[in-house]
Amino acid sequence: MKKFLLTIAAIIFFSGATCWAENLKFIDAMDDTGYYYDVESVESESDGVFTVKMAVIKANLNRMYSYDVRITTDERIYEILASKILSYDTRAILEENNTRRPPQRYSDKSEMGQMVRLILYGD
């Protein structure tokens, strides 16, 4: 059932409008949740510091959570700069938060560390 929901979410996502992002790339999935990043949003601010738009899609809730994230690879920290909750099927913004969150550490083997490696270096 979980794989079925993820498959349906992927079909809807890739056949629907892409007003939030132009080029989302799949990172990973767990149960009914898929993790993506916008390939075209990756920008280098300085050596070892970059920003990226990331998305978490919860198919069973019809929700898409988008995050503007700054990642500092040398210090292994990430900071959420802003976030939005959208209705997945219509991309209507349900909630918006432009408050920065405190920086969080990640390890190379953590989920965020693996996502950073995929974003920067590909598969």
C-alpha atoms as a PDB file:
ATOM      1  CA  MET A   1       0.000   0.000   0.000  1.00  0.00           C
ATOM      2  CA  LYS A   2       2.820   2.388   0.870  1.00  0.00           C
ATOM      3  CA  LYS A   3       4.590   1.805  -2.440  1.00  0.00           C
ATOM      4  CA  PHE A   4       1.286   2.319  -4.212  1.00  0.00           C
ATOM      5  CA  LEU A   5       0.788   5.716  -2.529  1.00  0.00           C
ATOM      6  CA  LEU A   6       4.344   6.774  -3.391  1.00  0.00           C
ATOM      7  CA  THR A   7       3.836   5.715  -6.988  1.00  0.00           C
ATOM      8  CA  ILE A   8       0.587   7.677  -7.223  1.00  0.00           C
ATOM      9  CA  ALA A   9       2.281  10.707  -5.647  1.00  0.00           C
ATOM     10  CA  ALA A  10       5.144  10.524  -8.134  1.00  0.00           C
ATOM     11  CA  ILE A  11       2.760  10.248 -11.086  1.00  0.00           C
ATOM     12  CA  ILE A  12       0.695  13.206  -9.908  1.00  0.00           C
ATOM     13  CA  PHE A  13       3.811  15.187  -9.099  1.00  0.00           C
ATOM     14  CA  PHE A  14       5.554  14.679 -12.419  1.00  0.00           C
ATOM     15  CA  SER A  15       2.410  15.124 -14.517  1.00  0.00           C
ATOM     16  CA  GLY A  16       1.121  18.158 -12.650  1.00  0.00           C
ATOM     17  CA  ALA A  17       2.092  21.787 -12.630  1.00  0.00           C
ATOM     18  CA  THR A  18       5.557  22.676 -11.446  1.00  0.00           C
ATOM     19  CA  CYS A  19       4.970  26.175 -10.161  1.00  0.00           C
ATOM     20  CA  TRP A  20       7.030  25.527  -7.019  1.00  0.00           C
ATOM     21  CA  ALA A  21      10.133  24.273  -8.764  1.00  0.00           C
ATOM     22  CA  GLU A  22      11.353  23.670 -12.252  1.00  0.00           C
ATOM     23  CA  ASN A  23      13.552  20.637 -11.798  1.00  0.00           C
ATOM     24  CA  LEU A  24      12.901  18.544  -8.688  1.00  0.00           C
ATOM     25  CA  LYS A  25      15.180  15.572  -8.237  1.00  0.00           C
ATOM     26  CA  PHE A  26      14.231  12.611  -6.094  1.00  0.00           C
ATOM     27  CA  ILE A  27      16.554  11.961  -3.145  1.00  0.00           C
ATOM     28  CA  ASP A  28      14.903   9.209  -1.126  1.00  0.00           C
ATOM     29  CA  ALA A  29      11.609   7.940   0.283  1.00  0.00           C
ATOM     30  CA  MET A  30      10.426   6.419   3.501  1.00  0.00           C
ATOM     31  CA  ASP A  31       6.905   5.047   3.791  1.00  0.00           C
ATOM     32  CA  ASP A  32       4.535   7.706   2.386  1.00  0.00           C
ATOM     33  CA  THR A  33       7.154  10.471   2.410  1.00  0.00           C
ATOM     34  CA  GLY A  34       9.391  11.503  -0.484  1.00  0.00           C
ATOM     35  CA  TYR A  35      12.428  13.797  -0.298  1.00  0.00           C
ATOM     36  CA  TYR A  36      13.438  16.044  -3.213  1.00  0.00           C
ATOM     37  CA  TYR A  37      15.583  19.054  -4.035  1.00  0.00           C
ATOM     38  CA  ASP A  38      15.327  21.624  -6.806  1.00  0.00           C
ATOM     39  CA  VAL A  39      18.386  21.153  -9.034  1.00  0.00           C
ATOM     40  CA  GLU A  40      18.088  24.676 -10.448  1.00  0.00           C
ATOM     41  CA  SER A  41      17.992  26.282  -6.993  1.00  0.00           C
ATOM     42  CA  VAL A  42      21.439  25.129  -5.851  1.00  0.00           C
ATOM     43  CA  GLU A  43      23.542  28.272  -5.491  1.00  0.00           C
ATOM     44  CA  SER A  44      27.002  28.749  -4.068  1.00  0.00           C
ATOM     45  CA  GLU A  45      27.215  31.703  -1.661  1.00  0.00           C
ATOM     46  CA  SER A  46      30.915  31.179  -1.013  1.00  0.00           C
ATOM     47  CA  ASP A  47      33.395  28.318  -0.799  1.00  0.00           C
ATOM     48  CA  GLY A  48      31.668  25.536   1.141  1.00  0.00           C
ATOM     49  CA  VAL A  49      28.403  27.458   1.642  1.00  0.00           C
ATOM     50  CA  PHE A  50      25.400  26.974  -0.615  1.00  0.00           C
ATOM     51  CA  THR A  51      21.636  27.380  -0.610  1.00  0.00           C
ATOM     52  CA  VAL A  52      19.065  24.965  -2.003  1.00  0.00           C
ATOM     53  CA  LYS A  53      15.312  24.482  -2.087  1.00  0.00           C
ATOM     54  CA  MET A  54      14.276  21.142  -0.642  1.00  0.00           C
ATOM     55  CA  ALA A  55      10.854  19.494  -0.585  1.00  0.00           C
ATOM     56  CA  VAL A  56       9.254  16.829   1.530  1.00  0.00           C
ATOM     57  CA  ILE A  57       6.100  15.354   0.029  1.00  0.00           C
ATOM     58  CA  LYS A  58       3.684  13.443   2.249  1.00  0.00           C
ATOM     59  CA  ALA A  59       1.385  11.717  -0.222  1.00  0.00           C
ATOM     60  CA  ASN A  60      -1.029  10.378   2.375  1.00  0.00           C
ATOM     61  CA  LEU A  61      -1.646  13.914   3.735  1.00  0.00           C
ATOM     62  CA  ASN A  62      -1.707  15.715   0.353  1.00  0.00           C
ATOM     63  CA  ARG A  63       1.010  18.028   1.679  1.00  0.00           C
ATOM     64  CA  MET A  64       4.258  19.394   0.302  1.00  0.00           C
ATOM     65  CA  TYR A  65       6.680  21.034   2.706  1.00  0.00           C
ATOM     66  CA  SER A  66       9.225  23.277   0.998  1.00  0.00           C
ATOM     67  CA  TYR A  67      12.339  24.610   2.680  1.00  0.00           C
ATOM     68  CA  ASP A  68      14.948  27.190   1.712  1.00  0.00           C
ATOM     69  CA  VAL A  69      18.113  25.783   3.264  1.00  0.00           C
ATOM     70  CA  ARG A  70      21.649  27.133   3.705  1.00  0.00           C
ATOM     71  CA  ILE A  71      24.296  24.449   4.110  1.00  0.00           C
ATOM     72  CA  THR A  72      27.848  25.023   5.317  1.00  0.00           C
ATOM     73  CA  THR A  73      29.790  21.911   4.391  1.00  0.00           C
ATOM     74  CA  ASP A  74      33.030  22.761   6.240  1.00  0.00           C
ATOM     75  CA  GLU A  75      31.187  23.046   9.563  1.00  0.00           C
ATOM     76  CA  ARG A  76      28.590  20.393   8.655  1.00  0.00           C
ATOM     77  CA  ILE A  77      25.651  22.594   9.572  1.00  0.00           C
ATOM     78  CA  TYR A  78      22.386  23.457   7.870  1.00  0.00           C
ATOM     79  CA  GLU A  79      19.945  26.245   8.559  1.00  0.00           C
ATOM     80  CA  ILE A  80      16.334  26.500   7.414  1.00  0.00           C
ATOM     81  CA  LEU A  81      15.868  30.064   6.178  1.00  0.00           C
ATOM     82  CA  ALA A  82      12.167  29.841   5.284  1.00  0.00           C
ATOM     83  CA  SER A  83       9.477  27.224   4.849  1.00  0.00           C
ATOM     84  CA  LYS A  84       6.075  26.720   3.246  1.00  0.00           C
ATOM     85  CA  ILE A  85       3.339  24.154   3.564  1.00  0.00           C
ATOM     86  CA  LEU A  86       1.453  23.610   0.330  1.00  0.00           C
ATOM     87  CA  SER A  87      -1.479  21.524  -0.780  1.00  0.00           C
ATOM     88  CA  TYR A  88       0.293  18.932  -2.884  1.00  0.00           C
ATOM     89  CA  ASP A  89      -2.279  18.615  -5.648  1.00  0.00           C
ATOM     90  CA  THR A  90      -2.930  22.339  -6.216  1.00  0.00           C
ATOM     91  CA  ARG A  91       0.324  23.837  -4.873  1.00  0.00           C
ATOM     92  CA  ALA A  92      -1.780  26.374  -2.953  1.00  0.00           C
ATOM     93  CA  ILE A  93       0.222  27.829  -0.061  1.00  0.00           C
ATOM     94  CA  LEU A  94      -1.446  26.900   3.220  1.00  0.00           C
ATOM     95  CA  GLU A  95       1.179  28.288   5.576  1.00  0.00           C
ATOM     96  CA  GLU A  96       4.364  30.313   5.203  1.00  0.00           C
ATOM     97  CA  ASN A  97       7.145  30.935   7.707  1.00  0.00           C
ATOM     98  CA  ASN A  98      10.039  33.274   6.939  1.00  0.00           C
ATOM     99  CA  THR A  99      11.633  32.914  10.373  1.00  0.00           C
ATOM    100  CA  ARG A 100      15.134  31.421  10.324  1.00  0.00           C
ATOM    101  CA  ARG A 101      15.641  28.334  12.443  1.00  0.00           C
ATOM    102  CA  PRO A 102      18.796  27.869  14.512  1.00  0.00           C
ATOM    103  CA  PRO A 103      21.622  26.067  12.681  1.00  0.00           C
ATOM    104  CA  GLN A 104      21.678  22.288  13.127  1.00  0.00           C
ATOM    105  CA  ARG A 105      24.631  19.938  12.880  1.00  0.00           C
ATOM    106  CA  TYR A 106      24.683  16.890  10.643  1.00  0.00           C
ATOM    107  CA  SER A 107      27.116  14.004  10.314  1.00  0.00           C
ATOM    108  CA  ASP A 108      28.298  12.472   7.054  1.00  0.00           C
ATOM    109  CA  LYS A 109      26.250   9.341   7.771  1.00  0.00           C
ATOM    110  CA  SER A 110      23.058  11.126   8.841  1.00  0.00           C
ATOM    111  CA  GLU A 111      20.102  11.581   6.487  1.00  0.00           C
ATOM    112  CA  MET A 112      21.006  15.250   5.957  1.00  0.00           C
ATOM    113  CA  GLY A 113      24.647  14.332   5.351  1.00  0.00           C
ATOM    114  CA  GLN A 114      23.595  11.841   2.694  1.00  0.00           C
ATOM    115  CA  MET A 115      21.292  14.427   1.096  1.00  0.00           C
ATOM    116  CA  VAL A 116      24.113  17.003   1.026  1.00  0.00           C
ATOM    117  CA  ARG A 117      26.387  14.488  -0.671  1.00  0.00           C
ATOM    118  CA  LEU A 118      23.720  13.719  -3.305  1.00  0.00           C
ATOM    119  CA  ILE A 119      23.034  17.391  -3.939  1.00  0.00           C
ATOM    120  CA  LEU A 120      26.702  18.330  -4.302  1.00  0.00           C
ATOM    121  CA  TYR A 121      28.148  15.242  -5.941  1.00  0.00           C
ATOM    122  CA  GLY A 122      25.214  13.354  -7.452  1.00  0.00           C
ATOM    123  CA  ASP A 123      24.745   9.629  -7.144  1.00  0.00           C
END
